[in-house]
Amino acid sequence: MRQLNHGVTILKQIDTLIIGATALAYPLAARLGGSALVVESGFSVGAEFSEAMMAERAKKPEESGLAGEICTELENRGILLPDGRIHILAVGGTLAGKYLETGAEMLLGTAVTDVSRVQDGFIVTLFGTENGYEQIAARRVIDTRVRDFMDCRKVFGLMLAGERNINLWSDDESFVEHGVFDDEYILHLYVDRDFTIPDCEKYADEWLKANRSRIGNARVAGITLVFGYRFAEPVREERDGIIYVPSASYPDVISAVRGGEELCL
């Protein structure tokens, strides 16, 4: 333990704190191994793509590396098709298995409530479902989440099923992606940044009533409980010593893994 001048007891000292168990964070955890701690507020891995149903066709890397390995595994399991279509809901399990191989410690169901700069790094306050509040000291903090100051659009997704002939589109209100099954589509609606899930459900009902002809006979088979985001380009920014690299700023899950591999720390 370490006692600071202001009386706060630090339970653990680590080299690197990675916020968000994202696709981009996976290669960082693999590179840093036991010197890294990954903190995730939810209970799943790669939720920014899998649970948000962000299924942009994967751009397969020409080189090998971790992105290439994941591509091969997803293809072998039938999750990723040769044309780049991806069964996005199944991606989280593959990433979770890869995280277990990194040697990095991971805390799920744990929120970061405060990050304070100190002379030799950061003091980070965590709140977890098991341990309540605790603080750690970290030399470096890498945040792979979407933050309020970032320029992007918020997306609410609906899984559509039962229609094989939906024309794909992308306009200022919405866009549609094709899943791995012939009758599987994902409708994404752009929503206000301050919308909650209930707000989005109401908006989606109104949109579907006004645009029923665009989705034919498809039925809504599910909705996202995690928001997706669309960026004009990948983001890397440093503020107050914290490195911000949102995984969701990459167009697809494979590109996000490759972005983590290429990130210079």
Protein backbone atom coordinates (compact mmCIF):
# COMPACT_ATOMS: atom_id res chain seq x y z
CA MET A 1 0.00 0.00 0.00
CA ARG A 2 0.99 3.61 -0.52
CA GLN A 3 -0.12 6.51 1.65
CA LEU A 4 -0.41 9.89 -0.07
CA ASN A 5 0.04 13.23 1.68
CA HIS A 6 -3.68 13.92 1.62
CA GLY A 7 -4.40 10.66 3.46
CA VAL A 8 -5.76 8.50 0.63
CA THR A 9 -4.59 4.90 0.71
CA ILE A 10 -3.70 3.47 -2.68
CA LEU A 11 -4.44 -0.25 -2.81
CA LYS A 12 -2.48 -0.98 -5.98
CA GLN A 13 0.19 0.57 -8.18
CA ILE A 14 0.26 -0.30 -11.87
CA ASP A 15 2.16 0.82 -14.92
CA THR A 16 -0.74 1.30 -17.37
CA LEU A 17 -4.48 1.60 -16.87
CA ILE A 18 -6.54 0.84 -19.98
CA ILE A 19 -10.13 2.04 -19.74
CA GLY A 20 -12.57 -0.01 -21.79
CA ALA A 21 -12.28 -3.71 -22.75
CA THR A 22 -12.55 -2.76 -26.40
CA ALA A 23 -11.28 -4.20 -29.66
CA LEU A 24 -8.56 -1.55 -29.79
CA ALA A 25 -7.54 -2.23 -26.18
CA TYR A 26 -6.94 -5.93 -26.83
CA PRO A 27 -3.59 -5.55 -28.65
CA LEU A 28 -2.51 -2.98 -26.04
CA ALA A 29 -3.22 -5.52 -23.29
CA ALA A 30 -1.36 -8.18 -25.31
CA ARG A 31 1.65 -5.88 -25.69
CA LEU A 32 1.78 -4.79 -22.04
CA GLY A 33 0.75 -8.05 -20.41
CA GLY A 34 0.92 -8.13 -16.62
CA SER A 35 1.92 -4.48 -16.38
CA ALA A 36 -1.57 -3.41 -17.55
CA LEU A 37 -4.96 -3.30 -15.87
CA VAL A 38 -8.06 -3.21 -18.10
CA VAL A 39 -11.16 -1.70 -16.50
CA GLU A 40 -14.57 -2.16 -18.13
CA SER A 41 -17.84 -0.74 -16.80
CA GLY A 42 -19.90 -3.43 -18.52
CA PHE A 43 -19.63 -7.20 -18.42
CA SER A 44 -18.62 -7.97 -22.00
CA VAL A 45 -15.71 -7.39 -24.35
CA GLY A 46 -15.84 -5.44 -27.60
CA ALA A 47 -19.31 -4.08 -26.79
CA GLU A 48 -18.67 -0.95 -28.88
CA PHE A 49 -19.07 -3.21 -31.92
CA SER A 50 -20.81 -6.41 -30.82
CA GLU A 51 -23.47 -5.10 -28.45
CA ALA A 52 -23.91 -1.90 -30.45
CA MET A 53 -24.39 -4.09 -33.58
CA MET A 54 -21.91 -2.00 -35.55
CA ALA A 55 -21.35 -4.48 -38.37
CA GLU A 56 -19.49 -2.53 -41.04
CA ARG A 57 -17.94 -5.00 -43.48
CA ALA A 58 -14.56 -5.97 -42.11
CA LYS A 59 -11.49 -4.75 -43.96
CA LYS A 60 -9.17 -7.72 -43.74
CA PRO A 61 -5.52 -6.88 -43.06
CA GLU A 62 -2.95 -7.96 -45.61
CA GLU A 63 -0.31 -8.37 -42.92
CA SER A 64 -0.44 -10.91 -40.12
CA GLY A 65 -0.35 -9.81 -36.48
CA LEU A 66 -3.22 -9.93 -34.01
CA ALA A 67 -5.74 -8.45 -36.46
CA GLY A 68 -4.85 -11.17 -38.95
CA GLU A 69 -5.14 -13.87 -36.28
CA ILE A 70 -8.60 -12.69 -35.26
CA CYS A 71 -9.69 -12.52 -38.90
CA THR A 72 -8.60 -16.12 -39.44
CA GLU A 73 -10.35 -17.33 -36.28
CA LEU A 74 -13.58 -15.51 -37.16
CA GLU A 75 -13.50 -16.95 -40.68
CA ASN A 76 -12.86 -20.48 -39.40
CA ARG A 77 -15.85 -20.18 -37.07
CA GLY A 78 -18.14 -18.83 -39.80
CA ILE A 79 -18.51 -15.48 -38.07
CA LEU A 80 -16.72 -13.56 -40.84
CA LEU A 81 -17.60 -14.26 -44.48
CA PRO A 82 -15.22 -13.88 -47.45
CA ASP A 83 -17.05 -10.72 -48.58
CA GLY A 84 -16.44 -9.07 -45.20
CA ARG A 85 -19.93 -9.54 -43.75
CA ILE A 86 -19.75 -10.29 -40.05
CA HIS A 87 -22.07 -11.84 -37.48
CA ILE A 88 -21.30 -9.03 -35.08
CA LEU A 89 -23.13 -10.48 -32.07
CA ALA A 90 -20.66 -13.38 -31.96
CA VAL A 91 -17.51 -11.27 -32.03
CA GLY A 92 -17.42 -10.53 -28.29
CA GLY A 93 -16.80 -14.16 -27.38
CA THR A 94 -13.77 -14.37 -29.66
CA LEU A 95 -12.31 -11.18 -28.23
CA ALA A 96 -12.94 -12.35 -24.67
CA GLY A 97 -10.92 -15.49 -25.34
CA LYS A 98 -8.10 -13.41 -26.79
CA TYR A 99 -8.06 -11.14 -23.73
CA LEU A 100 -7.53 -14.17 -21.49
CA GLU A 101 -4.31 -14.90 -23.37
CA THR A 102 -2.81 -11.44 -22.79
CA GLY A 103 -1.81 -11.86 -19.14
CA ALA A 104 -3.26 -8.44 -18.34
CA GLU A 105 -5.54 -8.12 -15.33
CA MET A 106 -9.16 -7.22 -16.14
CA LEU A 107 -11.93 -5.82 -13.96
CA LEU A 108 -15.44 -6.08 -15.42
CA GLY A 109 -18.43 -4.27 -13.96
CA THR A 110 -16.11 -1.54 -12.72
CA ALA A 111 -16.54 2.16 -13.49
CA VAL A 112 -13.83 4.81 -13.48
CA THR A 113 -15.30 7.68 -11.45
CA ASP A 114 -12.28 10.01 -11.31
CA VAL A 115 -8.81 10.38 -12.80
CA SER A 116 -6.53 12.92 -11.07
CA ARG A 117 -3.09 13.94 -12.30
CA VAL A 118 -0.27 13.75 -9.75
CA GLN A 119 3.46 14.32 -10.08
CA ASP A 120 4.40 10.76 -11.02
CA GLY A 121 1.23 9.72 -12.89
CA PHE A 122 -2.42 9.42 -11.95
CA ILE A 123 -4.64 8.52 -9.04
CA VAL A 124 -7.72 6.72 -10.35
CA THR A 125 -10.91 6.10 -8.40
CA LEU A 126 -12.84 2.96 -9.32
CA PHE A 127 -16.28 1.73 -8.31
CA GLY A 128 -17.02 -1.97 -8.69
CA THR A 129 -20.01 -4.12 -7.92
CA GLU A 130 -17.96 -6.29 -5.54
CA ASN A 131 -15.44 -3.96 -3.88
CA GLY A 132 -17.22 -0.61 -3.97
CA TYR A 133 -14.87 2.38 -4.17
CA GLU A 134 -11.12 1.92 -4.36
CA GLN A 135 -8.17 3.86 -5.70
CA ILE A 136 -5.14 2.84 -7.72
CA ALA A 137 -2.02 4.65 -8.86
CA ALA A 138 -1.10 4.41 -12.55
CA ARG A 139 1.90 5.76 -14.42
CA ARG A 140 -0.09 5.99 -17.66
CA VAL A 141 -3.80 6.06 -18.56
CA ILE A 142 -5.19 5.08 -21.97
CA ASP A 143 -8.91 5.66 -22.48
CA THR A 144 -10.47 3.71 -25.38
CA ARG A 145 -14.07 4.86 -24.80
CA VAL A 146 -16.09 7.53 -26.58
CA ARG A 147 -16.06 10.74 -24.55
CA ASP A 148 -18.42 13.73 -24.60
CA PHE A 149 -15.87 16.11 -26.13
CA MET A 150 -15.41 13.95 -29.24
CA ASP A 151 -16.96 14.89 -32.57
CA CYS A 152 -19.11 11.93 -33.63
CA ARG A 153 -22.68 10.81 -34.17
CA LYS A 154 -24.59 8.57 -31.77
CA VAL A 155 -26.35 5.51 -33.20
CA PHE A 156 -29.19 3.27 -32.03
CA GLY A 157 -29.43 -0.13 -33.69
CA LEU A 158 -32.23 -2.58 -34.45
CA MET A 159 -31.78 -6.12 -35.72
CA LEU A 160 -34.14 -6.88 -38.62
CA ALA A 161 -35.03 -10.41 -39.72
CA GLY A 162 -37.27 -12.18 -42.18
CA GLU A 163 -36.63 -10.14 -45.34
CA ARG A 164 -34.07 -11.09 -48.01
CA ASN A 165 -34.34 -8.08 -50.30
CA ILE A 166 -33.76 -4.90 -48.31
CA ASN A 167 -31.86 -2.34 -50.32
CA LEU A 168 -28.88 -1.04 -48.34
CA TRP A 169 -28.78 2.70 -47.78
CA SER A 170 -26.97 5.39 -45.85
CA ASP A 171 -28.40 8.87 -45.44
CA ASP A 172 -28.45 11.65 -42.86
CA GLU A 173 -31.01 9.86 -40.67
CA SER A 174 -30.05 6.20 -40.86
CA PHE A 175 -28.05 3.43 -42.49
CA VAL A 176 -28.48 -0.31 -42.98
CA GLU A 177 -25.92 -3.13 -42.87
CA HIS A 178 -26.29 -6.73 -44.03
CA GLY A 179 -25.50 -9.48 -41.51
CA VAL A 180 -24.13 -12.92 -42.32
CA PHE A 181 -27.53 -14.48 -42.91
CA ASP A 182 -29.47 -13.68 -46.07
CA ASP A 183 -32.46 -12.34 -44.12
CA GLU A 184 -30.44 -10.56 -41.41
CA TYR A 185 -30.05 -6.78 -41.52
CA ILE A 186 -29.16 -4.13 -38.98
CA LEU A 187 -30.90 -0.77 -39.09
CA HIS A 188 -29.03 2.08 -37.43
CA LEU A 189 -30.74 5.35 -36.56
CA TYR A 190 -28.78 8.50 -35.79
CA VAL A 191 -30.03 9.94 -32.49
CA ASP A 192 -29.33 12.99 -30.34
CA ARG A 193 -26.27 12.68 -28.11
CA ASP A 194 -28.41 13.12 -24.98
CA PHE A 195 -30.98 10.44 -25.92
CA THR A 196 -31.54 7.55 -23.51
CA ILE A 197 -32.56 4.03 -24.58
CA PRO A 198 -36.27 4.77 -23.88
CA ASP A 199 -35.96 7.95 -25.98
CA CYS A 200 -34.50 5.86 -28.80
CA GLU A 201 -37.20 3.22 -28.60
CA LYS A 202 -39.86 5.90 -28.99
CA TYR A 203 -37.98 7.49 -31.88
CA ALA A 204 -37.52 4.08 -33.55
CA ASP A 205 -41.26 3.36 -33.35
CA GLU A 206 -41.99 6.66 -35.07
CA TRP A 207 -39.33 6.07 -37.71
CA LEU A 208 -40.59 2.56 -38.50
CA LYS A 209 -44.17 3.79 -38.91
CA ALA A 210 -43.04 6.49 -41.34
CA ASN A 211 -40.61 4.26 -43.28
CA ARG A 212 -42.21 0.83 -43.26
CA SER A 213 -41.89 0.40 -47.00
CA ARG A 214 -38.09 0.69 -46.81
CA ILE A 215 -37.72 -2.52 -44.77
CA GLY A 216 -40.34 -4.64 -46.55
CA ASN A 217 -41.61 -7.56 -44.50
CA ALA A 218 -38.76 -7.50 -42.00
CA ARG A 219 -39.58 -7.66 -38.32
CA VAL A 220 -37.59 -6.19 -35.45
CA ALA A 221 -35.78 -9.11 -33.82
CA GLY A 222 -33.85 -7.10 -31.22
CA ILE A 223 -32.49 -3.72 -30.21
CA THR A 224 -29.16 -2.56 -28.88
CA LEU A 225 -28.70 -1.67 -25.24
CA VAL A 226 -25.30 -0.11 -25.97
CA PHE A 227 -25.01 2.90 -28.26
CA GLY A 228 -22.86 2.86 -31.35
CA TYR A 229 -20.94 5.83 -32.73
CA ARG A 230 -19.75 7.00 -36.11
CA PHE A 231 -16.63 9.12 -36.57
CA ALA A 232 -15.28 10.81 -39.67
CA GLU A 233 -11.87 9.25 -38.96
CA PRO A 234 -9.98 7.43 -36.18
CA VAL A 235 -9.09 9.59 -33.19
CA ARG A 236 -5.94 9.85 -31.10
CA GLU A 237 -5.77 12.74 -28.68
CA GLU A 238 -3.98 13.57 -25.46
CA ARG A 239 -5.59 15.71 -22.76
CA ASP A 240 -4.08 16.36 -19.33
CA GLY A 241 -1.71 13.48 -19.90
CA ILE A 242 -4.46 10.94 -20.70
CA ILE A 243 -4.25 9.25 -24.10
CA TYR A 244 -7.68 9.02 -25.77
CA VAL A 245 -8.02 6.47 -28.57
CA PRO A 246 -11.71 5.51 -28.92
CA SER A 247 -12.07 2.05 -30.41
CA ALA A 248 -15.44 3.06 -31.87
CA SER A 249 -13.76 5.71 -34.02
CA TYR A 250 -12.58 2.89 -36.31
CA PRO A 251 -15.01 1.75 -39.01
CA ASP A 252 -15.00 -1.95 -38.11
CA VAL A 253 -13.80 -4.30 -35.40
CA ILE A 254 -10.79 -5.62 -37.34
CA SER A 255 -9.60 -2.10 -38.14
CA ALA A 256 -9.88 -1.26 -34.42
CA VAL A 257 -7.66 -4.21 -33.48
CA ARG A 258 -5.14 -3.14 -36.12
CA GLY A 259 -5.30 0.43 -34.79
CA GLY A 260 -4.34 -0.83 -31.34
CA GLU A 261 -1.44 -2.77 -32.80
CA GLU A 262 -0.13 0.30 -34.59
CA LEU A 263 -0.56 2.71 -31.67
CA CYS A 264 2.73 4.22 -30.53
CA LEU A 265 2.87 4.60 -26.75
